[in-house]
N, C-alpha and C. Protein backbone atom coordinates (compact mmCIF):
# COMPACT_ATOMS: atom_id res chain seq x y z
N UNK A 1 -13.71 -16.74 -18.31
CA UNK A 1 -14.11 -18.12 -18.24
C UNK A 1 -14.78 -18.46 -19.57
N UNK A 2 -14.45 -19.62 -20.07
CA UNK A 2 -15.08 -20.07 -21.30
C UNK A 2 -15.93 -21.31 -21.01
N UNK A 3 -16.94 -21.51 -21.83
CA UNK A 3 -17.78 -22.70 -21.68
C UNK A 3 -17.77 -23.47 -22.99
N UNK A 4 -17.89 -24.76 -22.87
CA UNK A 4 -17.94 -25.63 -24.03
C UNK A 4 -19.12 -26.58 -23.87
N UNK A 5 -19.92 -26.69 -24.89
CA UNK A 5 -21.04 -27.63 -24.87
C UNK A 5 -20.53 -28.97 -25.37
N UNK A 6 -20.79 -30.01 -24.61
CA UNK A 6 -20.42 -31.35 -25.08
C UNK A 6 -21.65 -32.00 -25.70
N UNK A 7 -21.43 -33.09 -26.43
CA UNK A 7 -22.54 -33.79 -27.08
C UNK A 7 -23.39 -34.57 -26.10
N UNK A 8 -23.01 -34.62 -24.82
CA UNK A 8 -23.74 -35.42 -23.83
C UNK A 8 -24.72 -34.59 -23.02
N UNK A 9 -24.82 -33.33 -23.30
CA UNK A 9 -25.72 -32.47 -22.53
C UNK A 9 -25.05 -31.81 -21.34
N UNK A 10 -23.76 -32.08 -21.15
CA UNK A 10 -23.01 -31.44 -20.07
C UNK A 10 -22.35 -30.17 -20.58
N UNK A 11 -22.27 -29.19 -19.73
CA UNK A 11 -21.52 -27.99 -20.04
C UNK A 11 -20.20 -28.04 -19.29
N UNK A 12 -19.13 -27.90 -20.01
CA UNK A 12 -17.80 -27.93 -19.40
C UNK A 12 -17.33 -26.49 -19.21
N UNK A 13 -16.99 -26.16 -17.99
CA UNK A 13 -16.51 -24.81 -17.68
C UNK A 13 -15.00 -24.82 -17.57
N UNK A 14 -14.37 -23.88 -18.18
CA UNK A 14 -12.92 -23.72 -18.08
C UNK A 14 -12.67 -22.50 -17.21
N UNK A 15 -12.17 -22.69 -15.97
CA UNK A 15 -12.04 -21.57 -15.04
C UNK A 15 -10.84 -20.66 -15.31
N UNK A 16 -10.06 -20.98 -16.31
CA UNK A 16 -8.88 -20.17 -16.60
C UNK A 16 -9.31 -18.90 -17.31
N UNK A 17 -9.00 -17.79 -16.71
CA UNK A 17 -9.38 -16.51 -17.29
C UNK A 17 -8.27 -15.94 -18.15
N UNK A 18 -8.56 -14.83 -18.76
CA UNK A 18 -7.56 -14.13 -19.55
C UNK A 18 -6.65 -13.35 -18.62
N UNK A 19 -5.38 -13.39 -18.91
CA UNK A 19 -4.43 -12.59 -18.14
C UNK A 19 -4.13 -11.35 -18.94
N UNK A 20 -4.44 -10.23 -18.35
CA UNK A 20 -4.18 -8.97 -19.03
C UNK A 20 -2.85 -8.43 -18.51
N UNK A 21 -1.94 -8.24 -19.41
CA UNK A 21 -0.64 -7.72 -19.05
C UNK A 21 -0.73 -6.20 -18.90
N UNK A 22 -0.12 -5.71 -17.87
CA UNK A 22 -0.01 -4.27 -17.71
C UNK A 22 1.43 -3.97 -17.37
N UNK A 23 1.86 -2.85 -17.80
CA UNK A 23 3.25 -2.49 -17.52
C UNK A 23 3.27 -1.51 -16.35
N UNK A 24 3.74 -2.01 -15.25
CA UNK A 24 3.91 -1.18 -14.06
C UNK A 24 5.40 -0.97 -13.85
N UNK A 25 5.73 0.17 -13.37
CA UNK A 25 7.14 0.42 -13.08
C UNK A 25 7.25 1.00 -11.69
N UNK A 26 8.33 0.70 -11.05
CA UNK A 26 8.60 1.29 -9.75
C UNK A 26 9.22 2.66 -9.95
N UNK A 27 8.89 3.57 -9.06
CA UNK A 27 9.55 4.86 -9.09
C UNK A 27 10.99 4.69 -8.67
N UNK A 28 11.86 5.55 -9.15
CA UNK A 28 13.25 5.45 -8.72
C UNK A 28 13.38 5.68 -7.21
N UNK A 29 14.35 5.02 -6.60
CA UNK A 29 14.58 5.20 -5.17
C UNK A 29 15.05 6.62 -4.88
N UNK A 30 14.64 7.11 -3.74
CA UNK A 30 15.09 8.43 -3.30
C UNK A 30 16.47 8.25 -2.67
N UNK A 31 17.43 9.04 -3.12
CA UNK A 31 18.80 8.89 -2.65
C UNK A 31 18.98 9.35 -1.21
N UNK A 32 18.18 10.33 -0.79
CA UNK A 32 18.36 10.92 0.53
C UNK A 32 17.00 11.40 1.03
N UNK A 33 16.72 11.21 2.31
CA UNK A 33 15.44 11.66 2.87
C UNK A 33 15.49 13.10 3.39
N UNK A 34 16.66 13.67 3.49
CA UNK A 34 16.77 15.05 3.95
C UNK A 34 16.01 15.98 3.02
N UNK A 35 15.18 16.83 3.61
CA UNK A 35 14.39 17.78 2.84
C UNK A 35 13.14 17.19 2.19
N UNK A 36 12.86 15.93 2.46
CA UNK A 36 11.72 15.26 1.85
C UNK A 36 10.53 15.20 2.80
N UNK A 37 9.35 15.01 2.23
CA UNK A 37 8.15 14.75 3.01
C UNK A 37 7.97 13.23 3.00
N UNK A 38 7.99 12.63 4.19
CA UNK A 38 7.86 11.18 4.33
C UNK A 38 6.49 10.87 4.91
N UNK A 39 5.81 9.93 4.29
CA UNK A 39 4.54 9.46 4.80
C UNK A 39 4.70 8.08 5.40
N UNK A 40 4.01 7.83 6.50
CA UNK A 40 3.97 6.50 7.11
C UNK A 40 2.49 6.13 7.19
N UNK A 41 2.13 5.03 6.52
CA UNK A 41 0.75 4.56 6.55
C UNK A 41 0.72 3.23 7.29
N UNK A 42 0.10 3.26 8.46
CA UNK A 42 -0.07 2.04 9.25
C UNK A 42 -1.29 1.32 8.71
N UNK A 43 -1.09 0.07 8.30
CA UNK A 43 -2.17 -0.70 7.69
C UNK A 43 -3.25 -1.14 8.66
N UNK A 44 -3.12 -0.82 9.91
CA UNK A 44 -4.09 -1.28 10.89
C UNK A 44 -3.60 -2.58 11.49
N UNK A 45 -4.43 -3.26 12.21
CA UNK A 45 -4.03 -4.54 12.78
C UNK A 45 -4.39 -4.60 14.25
N UNK A 46 -3.67 -5.45 14.95
CA UNK A 46 -3.95 -5.68 16.36
C UNK A 46 -3.74 -4.42 17.19
N UNK A 47 -4.44 -4.36 18.30
CA UNK A 47 -4.31 -3.22 19.21
C UNK A 47 -2.84 -3.08 19.64
N UNK A 48 -2.33 -1.90 19.56
CA UNK A 48 -0.95 -1.65 19.95
C UNK A 48 0.07 -1.93 18.87
N UNK A 49 -0.39 -2.39 17.71
CA UNK A 49 0.56 -2.77 16.67
C UNK A 49 1.22 -1.57 16.00
N UNK A 50 0.68 -0.39 16.21
CA UNK A 50 1.26 0.79 15.59
C UNK A 50 2.45 1.37 16.31
N UNK A 51 2.77 0.83 17.48
CA UNK A 51 3.89 1.39 18.25
C UNK A 51 5.20 1.33 17.49
N UNK A 52 5.45 0.22 16.77
CA UNK A 52 6.69 0.11 16.02
C UNK A 52 6.75 1.11 14.87
N UNK A 53 5.63 1.31 14.20
CA UNK A 53 5.62 2.29 13.10
C UNK A 53 5.71 3.72 13.63
N UNK A 54 5.14 3.98 14.79
CA UNK A 54 5.30 5.30 15.40
C UNK A 54 6.76 5.52 15.78
N UNK A 55 7.41 4.46 16.25
CA UNK A 55 8.84 4.55 16.58
C UNK A 55 9.65 4.80 15.32
N UNK A 56 9.30 4.11 14.23
CA UNK A 56 9.98 4.34 12.96
C UNK A 56 9.84 5.80 12.53
N UNK A 57 8.64 6.35 12.68
CA UNK A 57 8.41 7.75 12.34
C UNK A 57 9.30 8.66 13.18
N UNK A 58 9.43 8.36 14.48
CA UNK A 58 10.31 9.15 15.35
C UNK A 58 11.76 9.06 14.88
N UNK A 59 12.19 7.86 14.49
CA UNK A 59 13.56 7.68 14.01
C UNK A 59 13.80 8.48 12.73
N UNK A 60 12.83 8.49 11.84
CA UNK A 60 12.97 9.31 10.64
C UNK A 60 13.19 10.78 11.02
N UNK A 61 12.42 11.26 11.99
CA UNK A 61 12.55 12.66 12.42
C UNK A 61 13.91 12.93 13.06
N UNK A 62 14.42 11.96 13.81
CA UNK A 62 15.70 12.13 14.50
C UNK A 62 16.89 12.06 13.54
N UNK A 63 16.82 11.14 12.58
CA UNK A 63 17.97 10.87 11.72
C UNK A 63 18.06 11.75 10.49
N UNK A 64 16.94 12.33 10.08
CA UNK A 64 16.92 13.12 8.84
C UNK A 64 16.29 14.48 9.11
N UNK A 65 16.66 15.43 8.28
CA UNK A 65 16.05 16.77 8.35
C UNK A 65 14.89 16.78 7.36
N UNK A 66 13.79 16.19 7.79
CA UNK A 66 12.62 16.06 6.93
C UNK A 66 11.92 17.40 6.77
N UNK A 67 11.34 17.61 5.59
CA UNK A 67 10.48 18.78 5.40
C UNK A 67 9.21 18.58 6.22
N UNK A 68 8.73 17.32 6.28
CA UNK A 68 7.54 17.01 7.06
C UNK A 68 7.41 15.49 7.14
N UNK A 69 6.64 15.04 8.11
CA UNK A 69 6.30 13.62 8.23
C UNK A 69 4.80 13.53 8.44
N UNK A 70 4.15 12.73 7.62
CA UNK A 70 2.71 12.55 7.71
C UNK A 70 2.45 11.11 8.13
N UNK A 71 1.77 10.92 9.25
CA UNK A 71 1.48 9.58 9.79
C UNK A 71 -0.03 9.37 9.73
N UNK A 72 -0.44 8.32 9.04
CA UNK A 72 -1.86 8.00 8.93
C UNK A 72 -2.08 6.54 9.27
N UNK A 73 -3.28 6.22 9.73
CA UNK A 73 -3.64 4.86 10.10
C UNK A 73 -4.90 4.46 9.34
N UNK A 74 -4.84 3.29 8.68
CA UNK A 74 -6.04 2.76 8.05
C UNK A 74 -7.00 2.33 9.14
N UNK A 75 -8.29 2.51 8.93
CA UNK A 75 -9.24 2.13 9.97
C UNK A 75 -9.38 0.62 10.15
N UNK A 76 -8.98 -0.16 9.13
CA UNK A 76 -9.18 -1.60 9.21
C UNK A 76 -8.14 -2.29 8.34
N UNK A 77 -7.49 -3.31 8.90
CA UNK A 77 -6.45 -4.04 8.18
C UNK A 77 -6.96 -4.68 6.90
N UNK A 78 -8.19 -5.17 6.91
CA UNK A 78 -8.69 -5.92 5.76
C UNK A 78 -9.33 -5.06 4.69
N UNK A 79 -9.35 -3.76 4.87
CA UNK A 79 -9.96 -2.88 3.88
C UNK A 79 -8.93 -1.88 3.38
N UNK A 80 -9.19 -1.36 2.21
CA UNK A 80 -8.30 -0.33 1.66
C UNK A 80 -8.43 0.94 2.49
N UNK A 81 -7.38 1.71 2.46
CA UNK A 81 -7.44 3.03 3.10
C UNK A 81 -8.43 3.89 2.32
N UNK A 82 -9.04 4.83 3.00
CA UNK A 82 -9.96 5.74 2.30
C UNK A 82 -9.24 6.47 1.16
N UNK A 83 -9.97 6.75 0.11
CA UNK A 83 -9.40 7.44 -1.05
C UNK A 83 -8.75 8.76 -0.64
N UNK A 84 -9.34 9.45 0.30
CA UNK A 84 -8.80 10.73 0.76
C UNK A 84 -7.39 10.55 1.34
N UNK A 85 -7.17 9.43 2.04
CA UNK A 85 -5.85 9.17 2.63
C UNK A 85 -4.83 8.93 1.53
N UNK A 86 -5.17 8.10 0.55
CA UNK A 86 -4.26 7.86 -0.58
C UNK A 86 -3.97 9.16 -1.31
N UNK A 87 -5.02 9.92 -1.60
CA UNK A 87 -4.83 11.17 -2.34
C UNK A 87 -3.90 12.12 -1.60
N UNK A 88 -4.09 12.21 -0.28
CA UNK A 88 -3.23 13.10 0.52
C UNK A 88 -1.77 12.65 0.45
N UNK A 89 -1.53 11.35 0.62
CA UNK A 89 -0.16 10.84 0.61
C UNK A 89 0.49 11.02 -0.76
N UNK A 90 -0.26 10.76 -1.83
CA UNK A 90 0.27 10.93 -3.18
C UNK A 90 0.60 12.40 -3.44
N UNK A 91 -0.29 13.28 -3.02
CA UNK A 91 -0.11 14.71 -3.29
C UNK A 91 1.04 15.33 -2.49
N UNK A 92 1.18 14.92 -1.23
CA UNK A 92 2.09 15.63 -0.33
C UNK A 92 3.44 14.95 -0.09
N UNK A 93 3.54 13.65 -0.34
CA UNK A 93 4.73 12.92 0.09
C UNK A 93 5.68 12.60 -1.06
N UNK A 94 6.97 12.65 -0.73
CA UNK A 94 7.99 12.19 -1.68
C UNK A 94 8.20 10.69 -1.55
N UNK A 95 8.01 10.18 -0.33
CA UNK A 95 8.23 8.76 -0.01
C UNK A 95 7.13 8.35 0.96
N UNK A 96 6.61 7.12 0.79
CA UNK A 96 5.62 6.59 1.73
C UNK A 96 6.05 5.18 2.15
N UNK A 97 6.05 4.96 3.45
CA UNK A 97 6.31 3.63 4.02
C UNK A 97 4.97 3.09 4.46
N UNK A 98 4.62 1.89 4.00
CA UNK A 98 3.35 1.26 4.36
C UNK A 98 3.66 -0.05 5.04
N UNK A 99 3.02 -0.31 6.18
CA UNK A 99 3.29 -1.57 6.83
C UNK A 99 2.35 -1.85 7.98
N UNK A 100 2.48 -3.07 8.47
CA UNK A 100 1.76 -3.51 9.65
C UNK A 100 2.81 -4.05 10.61
N UNK A 101 2.85 -3.52 11.78
CA UNK A 101 3.81 -3.96 12.77
C UNK A 101 3.06 -4.69 13.87
N UNK A 102 3.54 -5.85 14.22
CA UNK A 102 2.90 -6.64 15.27
C UNK A 102 3.82 -6.82 16.44
């Protein structure tokens, strides 16, 4: 935010901030889930909303020969998952599906 002093005693505020460019890239898509560790992170939400994501996890197990499936639930929809949860998924998973099912 920048400020400008006017000759009238008013301070004019410019709410436009600096935009910092960062270069983010997506990881390449995984061609096949067979032999992979798949993570499912339920973002939280309404009571019972995880049933669809639990079903998705079951379908992954049925349709693919996964090395493992890790299912985690965020404690609260409006907050970030604990750092330990992110660290575990990054360390152990080849692919992570994140969502909220209602």
